[in-house]
């Protein structure tokens, strides 16, 4: 085994892991150069989704004018981007939102009403070498039984239900979904 220098290893890692700038970041850096300062003052790239660039404009007139020149703009942008764009969509939606991304709330499992607490002990009991379907099902059924032991029952269907669901909806999530579906159907007519 030959020893490689740190630079060689980092070069290989960069190629394998594709350590490169995200397409939107690269586009944001080059936006004013490609479209010009006047257009850049009235447009703001928002996202790239499925190779379609979404751009916010300051007015509907700007959106319409930019739509007419999107093919030319796409050719210029594709020269600067690692992956080519298939289309560009312009809209006034998103213009009022500040350009910096809002802080997103971190979602943790404990916040979900179905959270049952730490299940690390049941994960340790998993059997990686289950021979057949019957033993796999038996193992799963046993784990579900251990999990649902001492859980309160849903007043509607009598299924073991996490306490958070009962506090939130007064029934299990399945019964709650059925109630919401029935409410939506009744409100339509």
C-alpha atoms as a PDB file:
ATOM      1  CA  UNK A   1       0.000   0.000   0.000  1.00  0.00           C
ATOM      2  CA  UNK A   2       1.452   3.298  -1.097  1.00  0.00           C
ATOM      3  CA  UNK A   3       1.084   6.315   1.145  1.00  0.00           C
ATOM      4  CA  UNK A   4      -0.504   9.360  -0.431  1.00  0.00           C
ATOM      5  CA  UNK A   5      -0.083  12.983   0.491  1.00  0.00           C
ATOM      6  CA  UNK A   6      -2.871  14.914   2.164  1.00  0.00           C
ATOM      7  CA  UNK A   7      -3.361  16.960  -1.025  1.00  0.00           C
ATOM      8  CA  UNK A   8      -3.846  13.787  -3.086  1.00  0.00           C
ATOM      9  CA  UNK A   9      -6.363  12.412  -0.583  1.00  0.00           C
ATOM     10  CA  UNK A  10      -8.291  15.697  -0.444  1.00  0.00           C
ATOM     11  CA  UNK A  11      -8.343  15.831  -4.241  1.00  0.00           C
ATOM     12  CA  UNK A  12      -9.829  12.341  -4.436  1.00  0.00           C
ATOM     13  CA  UNK A  13     -12.358  13.104  -1.696  1.00  0.00           C
ATOM     14  CA  UNK A  14     -13.385  16.282  -3.441  1.00  0.00           C
ATOM     15  CA  UNK A  15     -14.084  14.389  -6.653  1.00  0.00           C
ATOM     16  CA  UNK A  16     -15.837  11.460  -4.953  1.00  0.00           C
ATOM     17  CA  UNK A  17     -17.984  13.464  -2.552  1.00  0.00           C
ATOM     18  CA  UNK A  18     -18.616  16.177  -5.154  1.00  0.00           C
ATOM     19  CA  UNK A  19     -17.469  18.894  -2.770  1.00  0.00           C
ATOM     20  CA  UNK A  20     -18.471  21.780  -4.891  1.00  0.00           C
ATOM     21  CA  UNK A  21     -20.642  24.809  -4.517  1.00  0.00           C
ATOM     22  CA  UNK A  22     -24.350  24.227  -4.676  1.00  0.00           C
ATOM     23  CA  UNK A  23     -25.807  25.358  -8.024  1.00  0.00           C
ATOM     24  CA  UNK A  24     -27.941  28.060  -6.393  1.00  0.00           C
ATOM     25  CA  UNK A  25     -24.956  29.487  -4.496  1.00  0.00           C
ATOM     26  CA  UNK A  26     -22.911  29.618  -7.697  1.00  0.00           C
ATOM     27  CA  UNK A  27     -25.834  31.227  -9.505  1.00  0.00           C
ATOM     28  CA  UNK A  28     -26.294  33.852  -6.782  1.00  0.00           C
ATOM     29  CA  UNK A  29     -22.627  34.807  -7.057  1.00  0.00           C
ATOM     30  CA  UNK A  30     -22.896  35.301 -10.833  1.00  0.00           C
ATOM     31  CA  UNK A  31     -26.457  36.645 -11.083  1.00  0.00           C
ATOM     32  CA  UNK A  32     -25.645  40.363 -11.359  1.00  0.00           C
ATOM     33  CA  UNK A  33     -22.854  39.693 -13.881  1.00  0.00           C
ATOM     34  CA  UNK A  34     -25.128  37.612 -16.104  1.00  0.00           C
ATOM     35  CA  UNK A  35     -28.308  39.733 -16.009  1.00  0.00           C
ATOM     36  CA  UNK A  36     -26.829  43.163 -15.381  1.00  0.00           C
ATOM     37  CA  UNK A  37     -27.178  45.467 -12.385  1.00  0.00           C
ATOM     38  CA  UNK A  38     -30.518  47.012 -13.465  1.00  0.00           C
ATOM     39  CA  UNK A  39     -32.213  43.622 -13.872  1.00  0.00           C
ATOM     40  CA  UNK A  40     -30.548  42.269 -10.728  1.00  0.00           C
ATOM     41  CA  UNK A  41     -32.129  45.114  -8.735  1.00  0.00           C
ATOM     42  CA  UNK A  42     -35.600  43.873  -9.753  1.00  0.00           C
ATOM     43  CA  UNK A  43     -35.030  40.107  -9.672  1.00  0.00           C
ATOM     44  CA  UNK A  44     -33.907  37.597  -7.065  1.00  0.00           C
ATOM     45  CA  UNK A  45     -33.197  33.890  -7.679  1.00  0.00           C
ATOM     46  CA  UNK A  46     -35.056  31.866  -5.037  1.00  0.00           C
ATOM     47  CA  UNK A  47     -34.394  28.201  -5.714  1.00  0.00           C
ATOM     48  CA  UNK A  48     -33.529  25.518  -8.220  1.00  0.00           C
ATOM     49  CA  UNK A  49     -35.948  22.618  -8.171  1.00  0.00           C
ATOM     50  CA  UNK A  50     -35.626  19.771 -10.678  1.00  0.00           C
ATOM     51  CA  UNK A  51     -33.374  21.915 -12.852  1.00  0.00           C
ATOM     52  CA  UNK A  52     -35.930  24.747 -12.983  1.00  0.00           C
ATOM     53  CA  UNK A  53     -34.788  28.102 -11.641  1.00  0.00           C
ATOM     54  CA  UNK A  54     -37.437  30.066  -9.724  1.00  0.00           C
ATOM     55  CA  UNK A  55     -36.883  33.816  -9.719  1.00  0.00           C
ATOM     56  CA  UNK A  56     -38.823  36.446  -7.769  1.00  0.00           C
ATOM     57  CA  UNK A  57     -39.442  39.756  -9.506  1.00  0.00           C
ATOM     58  CA  UNK A  58     -40.396  43.144  -8.106  1.00  0.00           C
ATOM     59  CA  UNK A  59     -43.494  43.417 -10.322  1.00  0.00           C
ATOM     60  CA  UNK A  60     -45.616  41.469 -12.790  1.00  0.00           C
ATOM     61  CA  UNK A  61     -44.228  43.596 -15.617  1.00  0.00           C
ATOM     62  CA  UNK A  62     -40.691  42.504 -14.720  1.00  0.00           C
ATOM     63  CA  UNK A  63     -41.834  38.874 -14.592  1.00  0.00           C
ATOM     64  CA  UNK A  64     -43.376  39.150 -18.053  1.00  0.00           C
ATOM     65  CA  UNK A  65     -40.357  40.919 -19.575  1.00  0.00           C
ATOM     66  CA  UNK A  66     -37.951  38.384 -18.070  1.00  0.00           C
ATOM     67  CA  UNK A  67     -40.087  35.504 -19.359  1.00  0.00           C
ATOM     68  CA  UNK A  68     -39.635  36.794 -22.917  1.00  0.00           C
ATOM     69  CA  UNK A  69     -35.837  36.732 -22.545  1.00  0.00           C
ATOM     70  CA  UNK A  70     -35.550  33.523 -20.517  1.00  0.00           C
ATOM     71  CA  UNK A  71     -34.034  31.420 -23.333  1.00  0.00           C
ATOM     72  CA  UNK A  72     -31.135  33.837 -23.795  1.00  0.00           C
ATOM     73  CA  UNK A  73     -30.685  34.095 -20.051  1.00  0.00           C
ATOM     74  CA  UNK A  74     -30.731  30.318 -19.670  1.00  0.00           C
ATOM     75  CA  UNK A  75     -27.910  29.923 -22.223  1.00  0.00           C
ATOM     76  CA  UNK A  76     -25.769  32.421 -20.282  1.00  0.00           C
ATOM     77  CA  UNK A  77     -26.522  30.803 -16.919  1.00  0.00           C
ATOM     78  CA  UNK A  78     -25.860  27.262 -18.163  1.00  0.00           C
ATOM     79  CA  UNK A  79     -22.322  28.324 -19.084  1.00  0.00           C
ATOM     80  CA  UNK A  80     -21.705  29.168 -15.420  1.00  0.00           C
ATOM     81  CA  UNK A  81     -23.517  26.251 -13.730  1.00  0.00           C
ATOM     82  CA  UNK A  82     -22.300  22.677 -13.202  1.00  0.00           C
ATOM     83  CA  UNK A  83     -25.730  21.248 -14.162  1.00  0.00           C
ATOM     84  CA  UNK A  84     -27.772  22.868 -16.949  1.00  0.00           C
ATOM     85  CA  UNK A  85     -31.119  24.481 -16.258  1.00  0.00           C
ATOM     86  CA  UNK A  86     -34.148  23.210 -18.165  1.00  0.00           C
ATOM     87  CA  UNK A  87     -36.313  26.269 -17.586  1.00  0.00           C
ATOM     88  CA  UNK A  88     -36.637  29.520 -15.671  1.00  0.00           C
ATOM     89  CA  UNK A  89     -39.879  30.665 -14.036  1.00  0.00           C
ATOM     90  CA  UNK A  90     -40.470  34.273 -13.029  1.00  0.00           C
ATOM     91  CA  UNK A  91     -43.073  35.396 -10.507  1.00  0.00           C
ATOM     92  CA  UNK A  92     -43.732  38.152  -8.001  1.00  0.00           C
ATOM     93  CA  UNK A  93     -44.200  35.458  -5.345  1.00  0.00           C
ATOM     94  CA  UNK A  94     -41.363  35.592  -2.860  1.00  0.00           C
ATOM     95  CA  UNK A  95     -40.308  39.141  -3.641  1.00  0.00           C
ATOM     96  CA  UNK A  96     -41.554  40.561  -0.313  1.00  0.00           C
ATOM     97  CA  UNK A  97     -39.710  37.859   1.638  1.00  0.00           C
ATOM     98  CA  UNK A  98     -36.278  39.067   2.752  1.00  0.00           C
ATOM     99  CA  UNK A  99     -33.424  37.501   0.767  1.00  0.00           C
ATOM    100  CA  UNK A 100     -31.898  35.811   3.823  1.00  0.00           C
ATOM    101  CA  UNK A 101     -33.413  32.456   4.670  1.00  0.00           C
ATOM    102  CA  UNK A 102     -35.661  32.379   7.743  1.00  0.00           C
ATOM    103  CA  UNK A 103     -34.587  30.288  10.701  1.00  0.00           C
ATOM    104  CA  UNK A 104     -36.386  26.972  10.581  1.00  0.00           C
ATOM    105  CA  UNK A 105     -37.607  25.358  13.753  1.00  0.00           C
ATOM    106  CA  UNK A 106     -35.741  22.188  14.552  1.00  0.00           C
ATOM    107  CA  UNK A 107     -38.198  19.313  14.643  1.00  0.00           C
ATOM    108  CA  UNK A 108     -37.365  16.691  17.233  1.00  0.00           C
ATOM    109  CA  UNK A 109     -39.115  13.338  17.652  1.00  0.00           C
ATOM    110  CA  UNK A 110     -40.170  14.196  21.213  1.00  0.00           C
ATOM    111  CA  UNK A 111     -42.471  16.929  19.819  1.00  0.00           C
ATOM    112  CA  UNK A 112     -44.587  14.457  17.826  1.00  0.00           C
ATOM    113  CA  UNK A 113     -47.748  13.281  19.604  1.00  0.00           C
ATOM    114  CA  UNK A 114     -46.921   9.640  18.764  1.00  0.00           C
ATOM    115  CA  UNK A 115     -43.535   9.729  20.506  1.00  0.00           C
ATOM    116  CA  UNK A 116     -43.175   6.836  22.951  1.00  0.00           C
ATOM    117  CA  UNK A 117     -39.826   7.632  24.508  1.00  0.00           C
ATOM    118  CA  UNK A 118     -36.464   5.986  23.939  1.00  0.00           C
ATOM    119  CA  UNK A 119     -36.661   2.677  22.136  1.00  0.00           C
ATOM    120  CA  UNK A 120     -32.947   1.947  22.261  1.00  0.00           C
ATOM    121  CA  UNK A 121     -33.475  -1.169  24.381  1.00  0.00           C
ATOM    122  CA  UNK A 122     -35.805  -2.695  21.774  1.00  0.00           C
ATOM    123  CA  UNK A 123     -33.328  -1.867  19.005  1.00  0.00           C
ATOM    124  CA  UNK A 124     -30.626  -3.788  20.814  1.00  0.00           C
ATOM    125  CA  UNK A 125     -32.882  -6.844  20.887  1.00  0.00           C
ATOM    126  CA  UNK A 126     -33.206  -7.032  17.080  1.00  0.00           C
ATOM    127  CA  UNK A 127     -32.278 -10.379  15.547  1.00  0.00           C
ATOM    128  CA  UNK A 128     -30.261  -9.922  12.321  1.00  0.00           C
ATOM    129  CA  UNK A 129     -30.474 -13.619  11.334  1.00  0.00           C
ATOM    130  CA  UNK A 130     -34.211 -14.356  11.172  1.00  0.00           C
ATOM    131  CA  UNK A 131     -34.762 -17.588   9.218  1.00  0.00           C
ATOM    132  CA  UNK A 132     -38.269 -17.221   7.809  1.00  0.00           C
ATOM    133  CA  UNK A 133     -41.307 -15.005   7.514  1.00  0.00           C
ATOM    134  CA  UNK A 134     -43.143 -16.589  10.443  1.00  0.00           C
ATOM    135  CA  UNK A 135     -40.321 -15.940  12.905  1.00  0.00           C
ATOM    136  CA  UNK A 136     -39.897 -12.399  11.533  1.00  0.00           C
ATOM    137  CA  UNK A 137     -43.606 -11.717  12.047  1.00  0.00           C
ATOM    138  CA  UNK A 138     -43.504 -13.264  15.515  1.00  0.00           C
ATOM    139  CA  UNK A 139     -40.533 -11.094  16.439  1.00  0.00           C
ATOM    140  CA  UNK A 140     -42.291  -7.975  15.112  1.00  0.00           C
ATOM    141  CA  UNK A 141     -45.542  -8.818  16.932  1.00  0.00           C
ATOM    142  CA  UNK A 142     -43.649  -9.345  20.183  1.00  0.00           C
ATOM    143  CA  UNK A 143     -41.900  -5.969  19.833  1.00  0.00           C
ATOM    144  CA  UNK A 144     -45.207  -4.231  19.122  1.00  0.00           C
ATOM    145  CA  UNK A 145     -46.768  -5.890  22.146  1.00  0.00           C
ATOM    146  CA  UNK A 146     -43.881  -4.767  24.380  1.00  0.00           C
ATOM    147  CA  UNK A 147     -44.135  -1.264  22.947  1.00  0.00           C
ATOM    148  CA  UNK A 148     -47.878  -0.957  23.441  1.00  0.00           C
ATOM    149  CA  UNK A 149     -47.914  -2.453  26.946  1.00  0.00           C
ATOM    150  CA  UNK A 150     -49.377   0.026  29.433  1.00  0.00           C
ATOM    151  CA  UNK A 151     -50.433   2.478  26.703  1.00  0.00           C
ATOM    152  CA  UNK A 152     -53.900   3.995  27.143  1.00  0.00           C
ATOM    153  CA  UNK A 153     -56.582   2.793  24.743  1.00  0.00           C
ATOM    154  CA  UNK A 154     -58.255   4.932  22.114  1.00  0.00           C
ATOM    155  CA  UNK A 155     -61.836   5.534  23.311  1.00  0.00           C
ATOM    156  CA  UNK A 156     -63.126   4.990  19.777  1.00  0.00           C
ATOM    157  CA  UNK A 157     -61.304   1.890  18.444  1.00  0.00           C
ATOM    158  CA  UNK A 158     -59.710   0.518  21.631  1.00  0.00           C
ATOM    159  CA  UNK A 159     -56.201   0.415  20.106  1.00  0.00           C
ATOM    160  CA  UNK A 160     -53.180   1.208  22.294  1.00  0.00           C
ATOM    161  CA  UNK A 161     -52.456   4.880  21.697  1.00  0.00           C
ATOM    162  CA  UNK A 162     -49.521   7.113  22.652  1.00  0.00           C
ATOM    163  CA  UNK A 163     -50.584   9.613  25.332  1.00  0.00           C
ATOM    164  CA  UNK A 164     -49.605  12.571  23.161  1.00  0.00           C
ATOM    165  CA  UNK A 165     -52.167  11.608  20.541  1.00  0.00           C
ATOM    166  CA  UNK A 166     -54.911  11.332  23.156  1.00  0.00           C
ATOM    167  CA  UNK A 167     -53.987  14.739  24.576  1.00  0.00           C
ATOM    168  CA  UNK A 168     -54.001  16.342  21.147  1.00  0.00           C
ATOM    169  CA  UNK A 169     -56.986  14.683  19.435  1.00  0.00           C
ATOM    170  CA  UNK A 170     -58.730  12.720  22.250  1.00  0.00           C
ATOM    171  CA  UNK A 171     -58.476   9.653  19.955  1.00  0.00           C
ATOM    172  CA  UNK A 172     -55.678   7.781  18.136  1.00  0.00           C
ATOM    173  CA  UNK A 173     -54.203   9.316  14.982  1.00  0.00           C
ATOM    174  CA  UNK A 174     -56.092   6.916  12.695  1.00  0.00           C
ATOM    175  CA  UNK A 175     -59.469   7.780  14.246  1.00  0.00           C
ATOM    176  CA  UNK A 176     -58.525  11.473  14.144  1.00  0.00           C
ATOM    177  CA  UNK A 177     -57.679  11.200  10.435  1.00  0.00           C
ATOM    178  CA  UNK A 178     -61.055   9.560   9.777  1.00  0.00           C
ATOM    179  CA  UNK A 179     -62.820  12.360  11.673  1.00  0.00           C
ATOM    180  CA  UNK A 180     -60.912  15.029   9.722  1.00  0.00           C
ATOM    181  CA  UNK A 181     -61.753  13.291   6.421  1.00  0.00           C
ATOM    182  CA  UNK A 182     -65.447  13.139   7.343  1.00  0.00           C
ATOM    183  CA  UNK A 183     -65.417  16.782   8.406  1.00  0.00           C
ATOM    184  CA  UNK A 184     -63.839  17.798   5.082  1.00  0.00           C
ATOM    185  CA  UNK A 185     -66.429  15.802   3.080  1.00  0.00           C
ATOM    186  CA  UNK A 186     -69.309  17.307   5.053  1.00  0.00           C
ATOM    187  CA  UNK A 187     -68.000  20.843   4.647  1.00  0.00           C
ATOM    188  CA  UNK A 188     -67.937  20.474   0.844  1.00  0.00           C
ATOM    189  CA  UNK A 189     -71.669  19.842   0.545  1.00  0.00           C
END
